[in-house]
């Protein structure tokens, strides 16, 4: 990662590959980068494969994927917690209600929607071990949430018929059709679950 104004490298990040990758394999992965210690400005992120202590693929002629990002003075950020829920084994084709405490720990307000389909909402994504989103869920905010405001709400999660195995529920705030807070480096609340049988 480098600051693009003067091309100074300011940090490196690592994530293990999900498996051995042969020459015809592909995989999907998310990459969480904490921007809290970065000063505001324009940054360039290079995503590449590294053979640790030996070389990056870019060093031998392969082009990395490049993403550019503006780090702003103000930020969106949420602290989301599940209240009194410790069950991690769920059945497919079943309905569950999660009670959550949500606090605005950022610098900007979350405005409720003004028309159908837009505005900020509490969201959740059901993700499989390969990183693919299998289902999404939404709950309306009870009010426009200012910085330091918090609220308690319930989210209804229907687990559709799925292949048995391990999944994650990622709870986050979403600005509909624009971005999830996770996209802006605000960590979601992640609940590992196992879908163990069907009803």
C-alpha atoms as a PDB file:
ATOM      1  CA  UNK A   1       0.000   0.000   0.000  1.00  0.00           C
ATOM      2  CA  UNK A   2       1.374   3.423  -0.905  1.00  0.00           C
ATOM      3  CA  UNK A   3       0.359   7.060  -0.588  1.00  0.00           C
ATOM      4  CA  UNK A   4      -0.105   8.180  -4.189  1.00  0.00           C
ATOM      5  CA  UNK A   5       0.717  11.878  -3.720  1.00  0.00           C
ATOM      6  CA  UNK A   6       4.409  11.104  -3.219  1.00  0.00           C
ATOM      7  CA  UNK A   7       4.561   7.319  -3.847  1.00  0.00           C
ATOM      8  CA  UNK A   8       5.743   6.412  -0.365  1.00  0.00           C
ATOM      9  CA  UNK A   9       5.058   2.847   0.780  1.00  0.00           C
ATOM     10  CA  UNK A  10       3.286   3.003   4.123  1.00  0.00           C
ATOM     11  CA  UNK A  11       2.439  -0.608   4.944  1.00  0.00           C
ATOM     12  CA  UNK A  12       2.079  -4.243   3.979  1.00  0.00           C
ATOM     13  CA  UNK A  13      -0.653  -6.729   4.805  1.00  0.00           C
ATOM     14  CA  UNK A  14      -0.864 -10.502   4.535  1.00  0.00           C
ATOM     15  CA  UNK A  15      -3.572 -13.154   4.297  1.00  0.00           C
ATOM     16  CA  UNK A  16      -3.049 -16.892   3.912  1.00  0.00           C
ATOM     17  CA  UNK A  17      -4.277 -18.585   0.769  1.00  0.00           C
ATOM     18  CA  UNK A  18      -7.378 -20.703   1.393  1.00  0.00           C
ATOM     19  CA  UNK A  19      -5.767 -23.796  -0.155  1.00  0.00           C
ATOM     20  CA  UNK A  20      -3.039 -24.976  -2.496  1.00  0.00           C
ATOM     21  CA  UNK A  21      -3.688 -23.191  -5.794  1.00  0.00           C
ATOM     22  CA  UNK A  22      -2.614 -24.945  -8.986  1.00  0.00           C
ATOM     23  CA  UNK A  23      -2.228 -23.340 -12.390  1.00  0.00           C
ATOM     24  CA  UNK A  24      -5.916 -23.560 -13.341  1.00  0.00           C
ATOM     25  CA  UNK A  25      -7.484 -22.839  -9.945  1.00  0.00           C
ATOM     26  CA  UNK A  26      -9.128 -19.661  -8.757  1.00  0.00           C
ATOM     27  CA  UNK A  27     -10.534 -18.485  -5.435  1.00  0.00           C
ATOM     28  CA  UNK A  28     -12.331 -15.536  -3.880  1.00  0.00           C
ATOM     29  CA  UNK A  29     -11.193 -13.806  -0.720  1.00  0.00           C
ATOM     30  CA  UNK A  30     -11.970 -10.692   1.285  1.00  0.00           C
ATOM     31  CA  UNK A  31      -9.221  -8.500   2.668  1.00  0.00           C
ATOM     32  CA  UNK A  32      -9.775  -6.279   5.709  1.00  0.00           C
ATOM     33  CA  UNK A  33      -7.432  -3.291   5.920  1.00  0.00           C
ATOM     34  CA  UNK A  34      -7.539  -1.123   9.044  1.00  0.00           C
ATOM     35  CA  UNK A  35      -7.286   2.535   8.012  1.00  0.00           C
ATOM     36  CA  UNK A  36      -7.447   4.014  11.507  1.00  0.00           C
ATOM     37  CA  UNK A  37      -3.726   4.874  11.546  1.00  0.00           C
ATOM     38  CA  UNK A  38      -3.655   6.338   8.030  1.00  0.00           C
ATOM     39  CA  UNK A  39      -3.755  10.089   7.567  1.00  0.00           C
ATOM     40  CA  UNK A  40      -6.330  11.490   5.120  1.00  0.00           C
ATOM     41  CA  UNK A  41      -5.233  11.362   1.485  1.00  0.00           C
ATOM     42  CA  UNK A  42      -5.166   9.232  -1.660  1.00  0.00           C
ATOM     43  CA  UNK A  43      -3.806   5.690  -1.443  1.00  0.00           C
ATOM     44  CA  UNK A  44      -3.065   2.901  -3.879  1.00  0.00           C
ATOM     45  CA  UNK A  45      -3.436  -0.732  -2.847  1.00  0.00           C
ATOM     46  CA  UNK A  46      -1.561  -3.428  -4.761  1.00  0.00           C
ATOM     47  CA  UNK A  47      -2.911  -6.951  -4.321  1.00  0.00           C
ATOM     48  CA  UNK A  48      -0.351  -9.594  -5.237  1.00  0.00           C
ATOM     49  CA  UNK A  49       0.849 -13.080  -4.325  1.00  0.00           C
ATOM     50  CA  UNK A  50       4.035 -13.184  -2.254  1.00  0.00           C
ATOM     51  CA  UNK A  51       6.419 -16.083  -1.734  1.00  0.00           C
ATOM     52  CA  UNK A  52       7.440 -14.966   1.734  1.00  0.00           C
ATOM     53  CA  UNK A  53      11.056 -13.755   2.087  1.00  0.00           C
ATOM     54  CA  UNK A  54      11.655 -14.536  -1.605  1.00  0.00           C
ATOM     55  CA  UNK A  55       9.615 -12.543  -4.117  1.00  0.00           C
ATOM     56  CA  UNK A  56       6.316 -10.972  -5.139  1.00  0.00           C
ATOM     57  CA  UNK A  57       4.825 -12.081  -8.458  1.00  0.00           C
ATOM     58  CA  UNK A  58       5.161  -8.466  -9.620  1.00  0.00           C
ATOM     59  CA  UNK A  59       8.948  -8.876  -9.280  1.00  0.00           C
ATOM     60  CA  UNK A  60       8.924 -11.555 -11.971  1.00  0.00           C
ATOM     61  CA  UNK A  61       6.688  -9.791 -14.453  1.00  0.00           C
ATOM     62  CA  UNK A  62       3.099 -10.382 -13.333  1.00  0.00           C
ATOM     63  CA  UNK A  63       0.793  -7.392 -12.871  1.00  0.00           C
ATOM     64  CA  UNK A  64      -0.843  -6.987  -9.447  1.00  0.00           C
ATOM     65  CA  UNK A  65      -4.455  -5.904  -9.036  1.00  0.00           C
ATOM     66  CA  UNK A  66      -4.578  -2.227  -8.110  1.00  0.00           C
ATOM     67  CA  UNK A  67      -7.277  -0.382  -6.177  1.00  0.00           C
ATOM     68  CA  UNK A  68      -7.280   3.322  -5.355  1.00  0.00           C
ATOM     69  CA  UNK A  69      -8.889   4.663  -2.210  1.00  0.00           C
ATOM     70  CA  UNK A  70      -9.444   8.061  -0.611  1.00  0.00           C
ATOM     71  CA  UNK A  71      -9.029   8.145   3.165  1.00  0.00           C
ATOM     72  CA  UNK A  72     -11.316  10.868   4.524  1.00  0.00           C
ATOM     73  CA  UNK A  73     -11.164  12.948   7.700  1.00  0.00           C
ATOM     74  CA  UNK A  74     -14.625  11.762   8.735  1.00  0.00           C
ATOM     75  CA  UNK A  75     -15.688   8.141   8.662  1.00  0.00           C
ATOM     76  CA  UNK A  76     -18.612   5.759   8.952  1.00  0.00           C
ATOM     77  CA  UNK A  77     -18.157   3.123  11.649  1.00  0.00           C
ATOM     78  CA  UNK A  78     -20.423   0.881  13.713  1.00  0.00           C
ATOM     79  CA  UNK A  79     -20.105  -1.279  16.800  1.00  0.00           C
ATOM     80  CA  UNK A  80     -22.533  -4.192  16.472  1.00  0.00           C
ATOM     81  CA  UNK A  81     -23.051  -6.837  19.151  1.00  0.00           C
ATOM     82  CA  UNK A  82     -25.412  -9.784  19.484  1.00  0.00           C
ATOM     83  CA  UNK A  83     -27.314  -9.866  22.763  1.00  0.00           C
ATOM     84  CA  UNK A  84     -27.656 -13.210  24.547  1.00  0.00           C
ATOM     85  CA  UNK A  85     -27.214 -15.473  21.534  1.00  0.00           C
ATOM     86  CA  UNK A  86     -24.601 -18.199  21.632  1.00  0.00           C
ATOM     87  CA  UNK A  87     -26.100 -20.783  19.286  1.00  0.00           C
ATOM     88  CA  UNK A  88     -23.793 -21.592  16.358  1.00  0.00           C
ATOM     89  CA  UNK A  89     -25.561 -24.648  14.906  1.00  0.00           C
ATOM     90  CA  UNK A  90     -28.541 -23.711  12.733  1.00  0.00           C
ATOM     91  CA  UNK A  91     -30.944 -25.697  10.599  1.00  0.00           C
ATOM     92  CA  UNK A  92     -31.571 -24.863   6.959  1.00  0.00           C
ATOM     93  CA  UNK A  93     -35.123 -23.977   5.910  1.00  0.00           C
ATOM     94  CA  UNK A  94     -35.597 -22.364   9.338  1.00  0.00           C
ATOM     95  CA  UNK A  95     -36.215 -18.899  10.751  1.00  0.00           C
ATOM     96  CA  UNK A  96     -34.174 -17.231  13.527  1.00  0.00           C
ATOM     97  CA  UNK A  97     -34.437 -13.893  15.312  1.00  0.00           C
ATOM     98  CA  UNK A  98     -31.241 -12.150  16.411  1.00  0.00           C
ATOM     99  CA  UNK A  99     -31.327  -9.330  18.944  1.00  0.00           C
ATOM    100  CA  UNK A 100     -28.568  -6.776  18.363  1.00  0.00           C
ATOM    101  CA  UNK A 101     -27.120  -3.698  20.032  1.00  0.00           C
ATOM    102  CA  UNK A 102     -25.824  -1.177  17.479  1.00  0.00           C
ATOM    103  CA  UNK A 103     -23.829   2.009  18.151  1.00  0.00           C
ATOM    104  CA  UNK A 104     -22.618   4.721  15.793  1.00  0.00           C
ATOM    105  CA  UNK A 105     -18.909   5.056  16.662  1.00  0.00           C
ATOM    106  CA  UNK A 106     -18.050   7.072  13.553  1.00  0.00           C
ATOM    107  CA  UNK A 107     -18.146  10.776  12.770  1.00  0.00           C
ATOM    108  CA  UNK A 108     -21.135  10.872  10.430  1.00  0.00           C
ATOM    109  CA  UNK A 109     -24.888  10.298  10.914  1.00  0.00           C
ATOM    110  CA  UNK A 110     -26.822   7.425   9.346  1.00  0.00           C
ATOM    111  CA  UNK A 111     -29.972   8.817   7.763  1.00  0.00           C
ATOM    112  CA  UNK A 112     -33.051   6.674   7.493  1.00  0.00           C
ATOM    113  CA  UNK A 113     -34.351   6.083   3.998  1.00  0.00           C
ATOM    114  CA  UNK A 114     -36.392   8.850   2.420  1.00  0.00           C
ATOM    115  CA  UNK A 115     -37.835   6.682  -0.333  1.00  0.00           C
ATOM    116  CA  UNK A 116     -38.170   3.011  -1.140  1.00  0.00           C
ATOM    117  CA  UNK A 117     -34.819   1.239  -1.532  1.00  0.00           C
ATOM    118  CA  UNK A 118     -32.347   3.878  -0.334  1.00  0.00           C
ATOM    119  CA  UNK A 119     -30.817   5.066   2.947  1.00  0.00           C
ATOM    120  CA  UNK A 120     -28.948   3.324   5.753  1.00  0.00           C
ATOM    121  CA  UNK A 121     -30.092  -0.034   7.133  1.00  0.00           C
ATOM    122  CA  UNK A 122     -28.842  -2.785   9.365  1.00  0.00           C
ATOM    123  CA  UNK A 123     -27.805  -5.584   7.045  1.00  0.00           C
ATOM    124  CA  UNK A 124     -26.484  -9.121   7.220  1.00  0.00           C
ATOM    125  CA  UNK A 125     -24.793 -11.379   4.680  1.00  0.00           C
ATOM    126  CA  UNK A 126     -24.642 -15.162   4.865  1.00  0.00           C
ATOM    127  CA  UNK A 127     -21.276 -16.244   3.440  1.00  0.00           C
ATOM    128  CA  UNK A 128     -19.985 -19.731   2.691  1.00  0.00           C
ATOM    129  CA  UNK A 129     -16.441 -21.038   3.244  1.00  0.00           C
ATOM    130  CA  UNK A 130     -15.486 -19.989  -0.272  1.00  0.00           C
ATOM    131  CA  UNK A 131     -16.352 -16.363   0.497  1.00  0.00           C
ATOM    132  CA  UNK A 132     -19.499 -16.258  -1.646  1.00  0.00           C
ATOM    133  CA  UNK A 133     -22.596 -14.423  -0.417  1.00  0.00           C
ATOM    134  CA  UNK A 134     -25.527 -16.885  -0.315  1.00  0.00           C
ATOM    135  CA  UNK A 135     -28.219 -14.642   1.211  1.00  0.00           C
ATOM    136  CA  UNK A 136     -28.685 -11.046   2.357  1.00  0.00           C
ATOM    137  CA  UNK A 137     -31.011  -9.585   4.989  1.00  0.00           C
ATOM    138  CA  UNK A 138     -32.131  -6.073   5.987  1.00  0.00           C
ATOM    139  CA  UNK A 139     -33.731  -4.333   8.958  1.00  0.00           C
ATOM    140  CA  UNK A 140     -34.810  -0.692   8.932  1.00  0.00           C
ATOM    141  CA  UNK A 141     -33.120   1.668  11.397  1.00  0.00           C
ATOM    142  CA  UNK A 142     -35.501   2.833  14.148  1.00  0.00           C
ATOM    143  CA  UNK A 143     -34.425   6.464  13.589  1.00  0.00           C
ATOM    144  CA  UNK A 144     -31.668   8.512  11.956  1.00  0.00           C
ATOM    145  CA  UNK A 145     -28.629   7.608  14.029  1.00  0.00           C
ATOM    146  CA  UNK A 146     -26.224  10.371  15.039  1.00  0.00           C
ATOM    147  CA  UNK A 147     -22.621   9.770  16.195  1.00  0.00           C
ATOM    148  CA  UNK A 148     -22.581   8.117  19.671  1.00  0.00           C
ATOM    149  CA  UNK A 149     -26.269   7.150  19.372  1.00  0.00           C
ATOM    150  CA  UNK A 150     -27.121   3.491  19.935  1.00  0.00           C
ATOM    151  CA  UNK A 151     -30.192   1.303  19.671  1.00  0.00           C
ATOM    152  CA  UNK A 152     -31.375  -2.268  20.146  1.00  0.00           C
ATOM    153  CA  UNK A 153     -33.281  -4.060  17.403  1.00  0.00           C
ATOM    154  CA  UNK A 154     -34.169  -7.494  16.104  1.00  0.00           C
ATOM    155  CA  UNK A 155     -33.232  -9.012  12.768  1.00  0.00           C
ATOM    156  CA  UNK A 156     -35.126 -11.869  11.208  1.00  0.00           C
ATOM    157  CA  UNK A 157     -32.820 -14.393   9.498  1.00  0.00           C
ATOM    158  CA  UNK A 158     -34.325 -17.107   7.314  1.00  0.00           C
ATOM    159  CA  UNK A 159     -31.813 -19.854   6.490  1.00  0.00           C
ATOM    160  CA  UNK A 160     -32.907 -21.166   3.105  1.00  0.00           C
ATOM    161  CA  UNK A 161     -32.165 -24.764   2.089  1.00  0.00           C
ATOM    162  CA  UNK A 162     -28.388 -24.867   1.731  1.00  0.00           C
ATOM    163  CA  UNK A 163     -25.552 -27.341   1.511  1.00  0.00           C
ATOM    164  CA  UNK A 164     -24.544 -28.422   5.020  1.00  0.00           C
ATOM    165  CA  UNK A 165     -21.326 -26.972   6.367  1.00  0.00           C
ATOM    166  CA  UNK A 166     -19.704 -23.902   7.889  1.00  0.00           C
ATOM    167  CA  UNK A 167     -20.848 -20.374   7.119  1.00  0.00           C
ATOM    168  CA  UNK A 168     -20.514 -16.851   8.509  1.00  0.00           C
ATOM    169  CA  UNK A 169     -23.170 -14.284   9.291  1.00  0.00           C
ATOM    170  CA  UNK A 170     -21.746 -10.785   8.805  1.00  0.00           C
ATOM    171  CA  UNK A 171     -23.797  -8.052  10.477  1.00  0.00           C
ATOM    172  CA  UNK A 172     -23.065  -4.543   9.192  1.00  0.00           C
ATOM    173  CA  UNK A 173     -24.608  -1.199   8.288  1.00  0.00           C
ATOM    174  CA  UNK A 174     -25.363  -0.766   4.591  1.00  0.00           C
ATOM    175  CA  UNK A 175     -26.022   2.427   2.651  1.00  0.00           C
ATOM    176  CA  UNK A 176     -28.337   0.779   0.158  1.00  0.00           C
ATOM    177  CA  UNK A 177     -27.018   0.523  -3.412  1.00  0.00           C
ATOM    178  CA  UNK A 178     -23.853   2.415  -2.395  1.00  0.00           C
ATOM    179  CA  UNK A 179     -21.643   0.673   0.166  1.00  0.00           C
ATOM    180  CA  UNK A 180     -21.363  -1.490   3.249  1.00  0.00           C
ATOM    181  CA  UNK A 181     -19.373  -0.066   6.146  1.00  0.00           C
ATOM    182  CA  UNK A 182     -16.972  -3.005   5.737  1.00  0.00           C
ATOM    183  CA  UNK A 183     -16.078  -1.515   2.336  1.00  0.00           C
ATOM    184  CA  UNK A 184     -14.874   1.576   4.236  1.00  0.00           C
ATOM    185  CA  UNK A 185     -12.691  -0.410   6.686  1.00  0.00           C
ATOM    186  CA  UNK A 186     -15.248  -0.594   9.506  1.00  0.00           C
ATOM    187  CA  UNK A 187     -15.179  -4.230  10.697  1.00  0.00           C
ATOM    188  CA  UNK A 188     -18.578  -6.006  10.709  1.00  0.00           C
ATOM    189  CA  UNK A 189     -19.701  -8.308  13.500  1.00  0.00           C
ATOM    190  CA  UNK A 190     -18.952 -11.839  12.282  1.00  0.00           C
ATOM    191  CA  UNK A 191     -20.763 -14.848  13.700  1.00  0.00           C
ATOM    192  CA  UNK A 192     -19.410 -18.272  12.593  1.00  0.00           C
ATOM    193  CA  UNK A 193     -22.229 -20.793  12.246  1.00  0.00           C
ATOM    194  CA  UNK A 194     -22.666 -24.365  11.103  1.00  0.00           C
ATOM    195  CA  UNK A 195     -25.688 -25.536   9.160  1.00  0.00           C
ATOM    196  CA  UNK A 196     -25.949 -29.012  10.527  1.00  0.00           C
ATOM    197  CA  UNK A 197     -29.177 -30.498   9.162  1.00  0.00           C
ATOM    198  CA  UNK A 198     -32.357 -29.720   7.256  1.00  0.00           C
ATOM    199  CA  UNK A 199     -35.902 -29.815   8.529  1.00  0.00           C
END
